[in-house]
Amino acid sequence: MSRAARTLPLSADEAWDLLTDARNHARWVPLTRVETDGPPRVGTRIRATSGPFARRGAPGIVDRMVITRADPPGATRVAVFVKHGPVLLGEARIEVTALDDAHARVLWSEDVYLAHLPVGFGRALLRPFLGLMVRGALGAAAREVDATHRLS
């Protein structure tokens, strides 16, 4: 499993809205475009395509996901994105915890493996790449929030 955690200078609701909307992920994950059939809620379908020219519409590695959990406001909110292949299986999870009215702690984790390999081997192959992706995406989101706060 790969994980990254950050404290963001946002309310829990703002952090939730920003991080669970997969359309934002294309800004933070290099070489990736994201299509979705709506806002983040249970049943929303997401298709992320990654590759050298994916952002320009070229084919790439397709990652199909469905949101199976999207908690209502509360102390800790959890969104679960279940991956349905064809290349990647497993789940991604985003947890947002309110620290106070203006700060939220975010934990982003990915437990993903390659569809056509034994689960343990597929996880081991992906772990270094997923670790970089999760830390990089959450770091990019944090930099975006910091830049937005400096401008306001």
C-alpha atoms as a PDB file:
ATOM      1  CA  MET A   1       0.000   0.000   0.000  1.00  0.00           C
ATOM      2  CA  SER A   2       1.165   3.511  -0.790  1.00  0.00           C
ATOM      3  CA  ARG A   3       0.180   6.489   1.353  1.00  0.00           C
ATOM      4  CA  ALA A   4       0.720  10.197   1.708  1.00  0.00           C
ATOM      5  CA  ALA A   5      -0.610  12.634   4.293  1.00  0.00           C
ATOM      6  CA  ARG A   6      -0.739  16.427   4.428  1.00  0.00           C
ATOM      7  CA  THR A   7      -2.342  19.142   6.477  1.00  0.00           C
ATOM      8  CA  LEU A   8      -3.992  21.723   4.229  1.00  0.00           C
ATOM      9  CA  PRO A   9      -5.034  25.277   5.153  1.00  0.00           C
ATOM     10  CA  LEU A  10      -8.627  24.513   4.150  1.00  0.00           C
ATOM     11  CA  SER A  11     -11.779  23.595   5.980  1.00  0.00           C
ATOM     12  CA  ALA A  12     -12.595  19.892   5.830  1.00  0.00           C
ATOM     13  CA  ASP A  13     -15.417  20.603   3.372  1.00  0.00           C
ATOM     14  CA  GLU A  14     -13.108  22.569   1.056  1.00  0.00           C
ATOM     15  CA  ALA A  15     -10.410  19.875   1.216  1.00  0.00           C
ATOM     16  CA  TRP A  16     -13.025  17.182   0.576  1.00  0.00           C
ATOM     17  CA  ASP A  17     -14.453  18.990  -2.446  1.00  0.00           C
ATOM     18  CA  LEU A  18     -10.990  19.595  -3.908  1.00  0.00           C
ATOM     19  CA  LEU A  19      -9.468  16.150  -3.396  1.00  0.00           C
ATOM     20  CA  THR A  20     -12.390  13.838  -4.076  1.00  0.00           C
ATOM     21  CA  ASP A  21     -13.270  15.465  -7.397  1.00  0.00           C
ATOM     22  CA  ALA A  22     -11.227  13.294  -9.762  1.00  0.00           C
ATOM     23  CA  ARG A  23     -11.371  15.991 -12.435  1.00  0.00           C
ATOM     24  CA  ASN A  24      -8.807  17.882 -10.334  1.00  0.00           C
ATOM     25  CA  HIS A  25      -6.431  14.906 -10.321  1.00  0.00           C
ATOM     26  CA  ALA A  26      -5.417  15.548 -13.941  1.00  0.00           C
ATOM     27  CA  ARG A  27      -3.689  18.752 -12.732  1.00  0.00           C
ATOM     28  CA  TRP A  28      -1.663  16.815 -10.163  1.00  0.00           C
ATOM     29  CA  VAL A  29      -0.857  13.490 -11.874  1.00  0.00           C
ATOM     30  CA  PRO A  30       1.563  13.935 -14.782  1.00  0.00           C
ATOM     31  CA  LEU A  31       0.681  12.615 -18.235  1.00  0.00           C
ATOM     32  CA  THR A  32      -2.907  11.881 -17.219  1.00  0.00           C
ATOM     33  CA  ARG A  33      -6.336  12.978 -18.393  1.00  0.00           C
ATOM     34  CA  VAL A  34      -9.482  12.292 -16.403  1.00  0.00           C
ATOM     35  CA  GLU A  35     -13.077  11.887 -17.540  1.00  0.00           C
ATOM     36  CA  THR A  36     -16.001  11.398 -15.186  1.00  0.00           C
ATOM     37  CA  ASP A  37     -19.757  11.148 -15.432  1.00  0.00           C
ATOM     38  CA  GLY A  38     -20.401  13.665 -12.673  1.00  0.00           C
ATOM     39  CA  PRO A  39     -19.435  15.109  -9.319  1.00  0.00           C
ATOM     40  CA  PRO A  40     -17.976  12.817  -6.653  1.00  0.00           C
ATOM     41  CA  ARG A  41     -20.681  10.670  -5.046  1.00  0.00           C
ATOM     42  CA  VAL A  42     -21.385   6.958  -4.710  1.00  0.00           C
ATOM     43  CA  GLY A  43     -21.745   5.498  -8.196  1.00  0.00           C
ATOM     44  CA  THR A  44     -19.710   8.151 -10.031  1.00  0.00           C
ATOM     45  CA  ARG A  45     -17.611   6.551 -12.774  1.00  0.00           C
ATOM     46  CA  ILE A  46     -14.132   7.798 -13.544  1.00  0.00           C
ATOM     47  CA  ARG A  47     -11.774   6.974 -16.388  1.00  0.00           C
ATOM     48  CA  ALA A  48      -8.168   8.108 -16.072  1.00  0.00           C
ATOM     49  CA  THR A  49      -5.866   7.610 -19.046  1.00  0.00           C
ATOM     50  CA  SER A  50      -2.111   7.929 -18.579  1.00  0.00           C
ATOM     51  CA  GLY A  51       0.595   8.026 -21.217  1.00  0.00           C
ATOM     52  CA  PRO A  52       3.047  10.356 -22.947  1.00  0.00           C
ATOM     53  CA  PHE A  53       0.386  12.177 -24.972  1.00  0.00           C
ATOM     54  CA  ALA A  54      -2.746  11.228 -23.021  1.00  0.00           C
ATOM     55  CA  ARG A  55      -3.539  14.855 -22.202  1.00  0.00           C
ATOM     56  CA  ARG A  56      -3.716  15.527 -25.946  1.00  0.00           C
ATOM     57  CA  GLY A  57      -6.211  12.700 -26.445  1.00  0.00           C
ATOM     58  CA  ALA A  58      -3.780   9.905 -27.325  1.00  0.00           C
ATOM     59  CA  PRO A  59      -4.369   6.384 -26.012  1.00  0.00           C
ATOM     60  CA  GLY A  60      -2.615   5.196 -22.872  1.00  0.00           C
ATOM     61  CA  ILE A  61      -3.076   3.005 -19.819  1.00  0.00           C
ATOM     62  CA  VAL A  62      -6.736   3.151 -18.826  1.00  0.00           C
ATOM     63  CA  ASP A  63      -7.729   3.151 -15.148  1.00  0.00           C
ATOM     64  CA  ARG A  64     -11.498   2.711 -14.668  1.00  0.00           C
ATOM     65  CA  MET A  65     -12.895   3.505 -11.221  1.00  0.00           C
ATOM     66  CA  VAL A  66     -16.220   3.783  -9.434  1.00  0.00           C
ATOM     67  CA  ILE A  67     -16.756   5.672  -6.192  1.00  0.00           C
ATOM     68  CA  THR A  68     -18.216   3.149  -3.731  1.00  0.00           C
ATOM     69  CA  ARG A  69     -18.084   5.301  -0.600  1.00  0.00           C
ATOM     70  CA  ALA A  70     -18.440   9.056  -0.119  1.00  0.00           C
ATOM     71  CA  ASP A  71     -19.193   9.956   3.487  1.00  0.00           C
ATOM     72  CA  PRO A  72     -21.361  12.902   4.447  1.00  0.00           C
ATOM     73  CA  PRO A  73     -19.816  15.712   6.499  1.00  0.00           C
ATOM     74  CA  GLY A  74     -18.515  14.550   9.854  1.00  0.00           C
ATOM     75  CA  ALA A  75     -15.339  14.246  11.886  1.00  0.00           C
ATOM     76  CA  THR A  76     -13.593  12.128   9.242  1.00  0.00           C
ATOM     77  CA  ARG A  77     -14.903  11.689   5.718  1.00  0.00           C
ATOM     78  CA  VAL A  78     -13.802   8.822   3.484  1.00  0.00           C
ATOM     79  CA  ALA A  79     -14.072   8.381  -0.276  1.00  0.00           C
ATOM     80  CA  VAL A  80     -13.249   5.010  -1.837  1.00  0.00           C
ATOM     81  CA  PHE A  81     -12.479   4.646  -5.540  1.00  0.00           C
ATOM     82  CA  VAL A  82     -12.618   0.987  -6.629  1.00  0.00           C
ATOM     83  CA  LYS A  83     -10.501   0.233  -9.693  1.00  0.00           C
ATOM     84  CA  HIS A  84     -12.102  -2.018 -12.322  1.00  0.00           C
ATOM     85  CA  GLY A  85      -9.266  -2.546 -14.808  1.00  0.00           C
ATOM     86  CA  PRO A  86      -8.503  -3.379 -17.434  1.00  0.00           C
ATOM     87  CA  VAL A  87      -4.912  -2.912 -16.208  1.00  0.00           C
ATOM     88  CA  LEU A  88      -5.297  -1.845 -12.565  1.00  0.00           C
ATOM     89  CA  LEU A  89      -7.411  -3.391  -9.817  1.00  0.00           C
ATOM     90  CA  GLY A  90      -7.749  -2.494  -6.142  1.00  0.00           C
ATOM     91  CA  GLU A  91      -8.783   0.734  -4.493  1.00  0.00           C
ATOM     92  CA  ALA A  92      -7.769   4.275  -3.758  1.00  0.00           C
ATOM     93  CA  ARG A  93      -8.950   5.972  -0.581  1.00  0.00           C
ATOM     94  CA  ILE A  94      -9.037   9.626   0.426  1.00  0.00           C
ATOM     95  CA  GLU A  95      -9.689  10.499   4.078  1.00  0.00           C
ATOM     96  CA  VAL A  96     -10.279  14.069   5.216  1.00  0.00           C
ATOM     97  CA  THR A  97     -10.280  14.953   8.915  1.00  0.00           C
ATOM     98  CA  ALA A  98     -11.129  18.403  10.269  1.00  0.00           C
ATOM     99  CA  LEU A  99      -8.419  19.731  12.579  1.00  0.00           C
ATOM    100  CA  ASP A 100     -10.168  23.055  13.136  1.00  0.00           C
ATOM    101  CA  ASP A 101     -12.349  25.397  11.063  1.00  0.00           C
ATOM    102  CA  ALA A 102      -9.474  26.300   8.733  1.00  0.00           C
ATOM    103  CA  HIS A 103      -7.297  23.167   8.543  1.00  0.00           C
ATOM    104  CA  ALA A 104      -7.829  19.599   7.414  1.00  0.00           C
ATOM    105  CA  ARG A 105      -5.624  16.523   7.473  1.00  0.00           C
ATOM    106  CA  VAL A 106      -5.723  14.484   4.262  1.00  0.00           C
ATOM    107  CA  LEU A 107      -4.613  10.870   3.923  1.00  0.00           C
ATOM    108  CA  TRP A 108      -4.498   9.486   0.363  1.00  0.00           C
ATOM    109  CA  SER A 109      -3.763   5.781   0.012  1.00  0.00           C
ATOM    110  CA  GLU A 110      -3.667   3.359  -2.903  1.00  0.00           C
ATOM    111  CA  ASP A 111      -3.826  -0.433  -2.621  1.00  0.00           C
ATOM    112  CA  VAL A 112      -3.550  -1.322  -6.295  1.00  0.00           C
ATOM    113  CA  TYR A 113      -2.198  -4.249  -8.302  1.00  0.00           C
ATOM    114  CA  LEU A 114      -1.841  -5.268 -11.934  1.00  0.00           C
ATOM    115  CA  ALA A 115      -4.868  -7.181 -13.187  1.00  0.00           C
ATOM    116  CA  HIS A 116      -3.070  -9.993 -15.024  1.00  0.00           C
ATOM    117  CA  LEU A 117      -0.438 -10.871 -12.426  1.00  0.00           C
ATOM    118  CA  PRO A 118      -0.602 -12.580  -9.036  1.00  0.00           C
ATOM    119  CA  VAL A 119      -1.830  -9.972  -6.535  1.00  0.00           C
ATOM    120  CA  GLY A 120       1.320  -9.877  -4.379  1.00  0.00           C
ATOM    121  CA  PHE A 121       3.644  -9.613  -7.361  1.00  0.00           C
ATOM    122  CA  GLY A 122       1.438  -7.000  -9.038  1.00  0.00           C
ATOM    123  CA  ARG A 123       1.399  -4.903  -5.841  1.00  0.00           C
ATOM    124  CA  ALA A 124       5.167  -5.155  -5.444  1.00  0.00           C
ATOM    125  CA  LEU A 125       5.753  -3.992  -9.032  1.00  0.00           C
ATOM    126  CA  LEU A 126       3.475  -0.964  -8.644  1.00  0.00           C
ATOM    127  CA  ARG A 127       4.406   0.090  -5.087  1.00  0.00           C
ATOM    128  CA  PRO A 128       7.337   2.404  -5.995  1.00  0.00           C
ATOM    129  CA  PHE A 129       5.383   4.117  -8.797  1.00  0.00           C
ATOM    130  CA  LEU A 130       2.221   4.502  -6.713  1.00  0.00           C
ATOM    131  CA  GLY A 131       4.224   5.931  -3.833  1.00  0.00           C
ATOM    132  CA  LEU A 132       5.664   8.597  -6.113  1.00  0.00           C
ATOM    133  CA  MET A 133       2.269   9.294  -7.669  1.00  0.00           C
ATOM    134  CA  VAL A 134       0.417   9.624  -4.342  1.00  0.00           C
ATOM    135  CA  ARG A 135       3.079  11.817  -2.719  1.00  0.00           C
ATOM    136  CA  GLY A 136       3.447  13.872  -5.900  1.00  0.00           C
ATOM    137  CA  ALA A 137      -0.291  14.380  -6.400  1.00  0.00           C
ATOM    138  CA  LEU A 138      -0.937  15.366  -2.796  1.00  0.00           C
ATOM    139  CA  GLY A 139       2.115  17.638  -2.849  1.00  0.00           C
ATOM    140  CA  ALA A 140       0.902  19.305  -6.055  1.00  0.00           C
ATOM    141  CA  ALA A 141      -2.543  19.798  -4.517  1.00  0.00           C
ATOM    142  CA  ALA A 142      -0.938  21.383  -1.436  1.00  0.00           C
ATOM    143  CA  ARG A 143       1.176  23.728  -3.597  1.00  0.00           C
ATOM    144  CA  GLU A 144      -1.954  24.706  -5.534  1.00  0.00           C
ATOM    145  CA  VAL A 145      -3.791  25.506  -2.294  1.00  0.00           C
ATOM    146  CA  ASP A 146      -0.818  27.490  -0.967  1.00  0.00           C
ATOM    147  CA  ALA A 147      -0.595  29.495  -4.220  1.00  0.00           C
ATOM    148  CA  THR A 148      -4.328  30.207  -4.134  1.00  0.00           C
ATOM    149  CA  HIS A 149      -4.125  31.374  -0.520  1.00  0.00           C
ATOM    150  CA  ARG A 150      -1.177  33.687  -1.287  1.00  0.00           C
ATOM    151  CA  LEU A 151      -3.184  35.339  -4.086  1.00  0.00           C
ATOM    152  CA  SER A 152      -6.246  35.987  -1.943  1.00  0.00           C
END
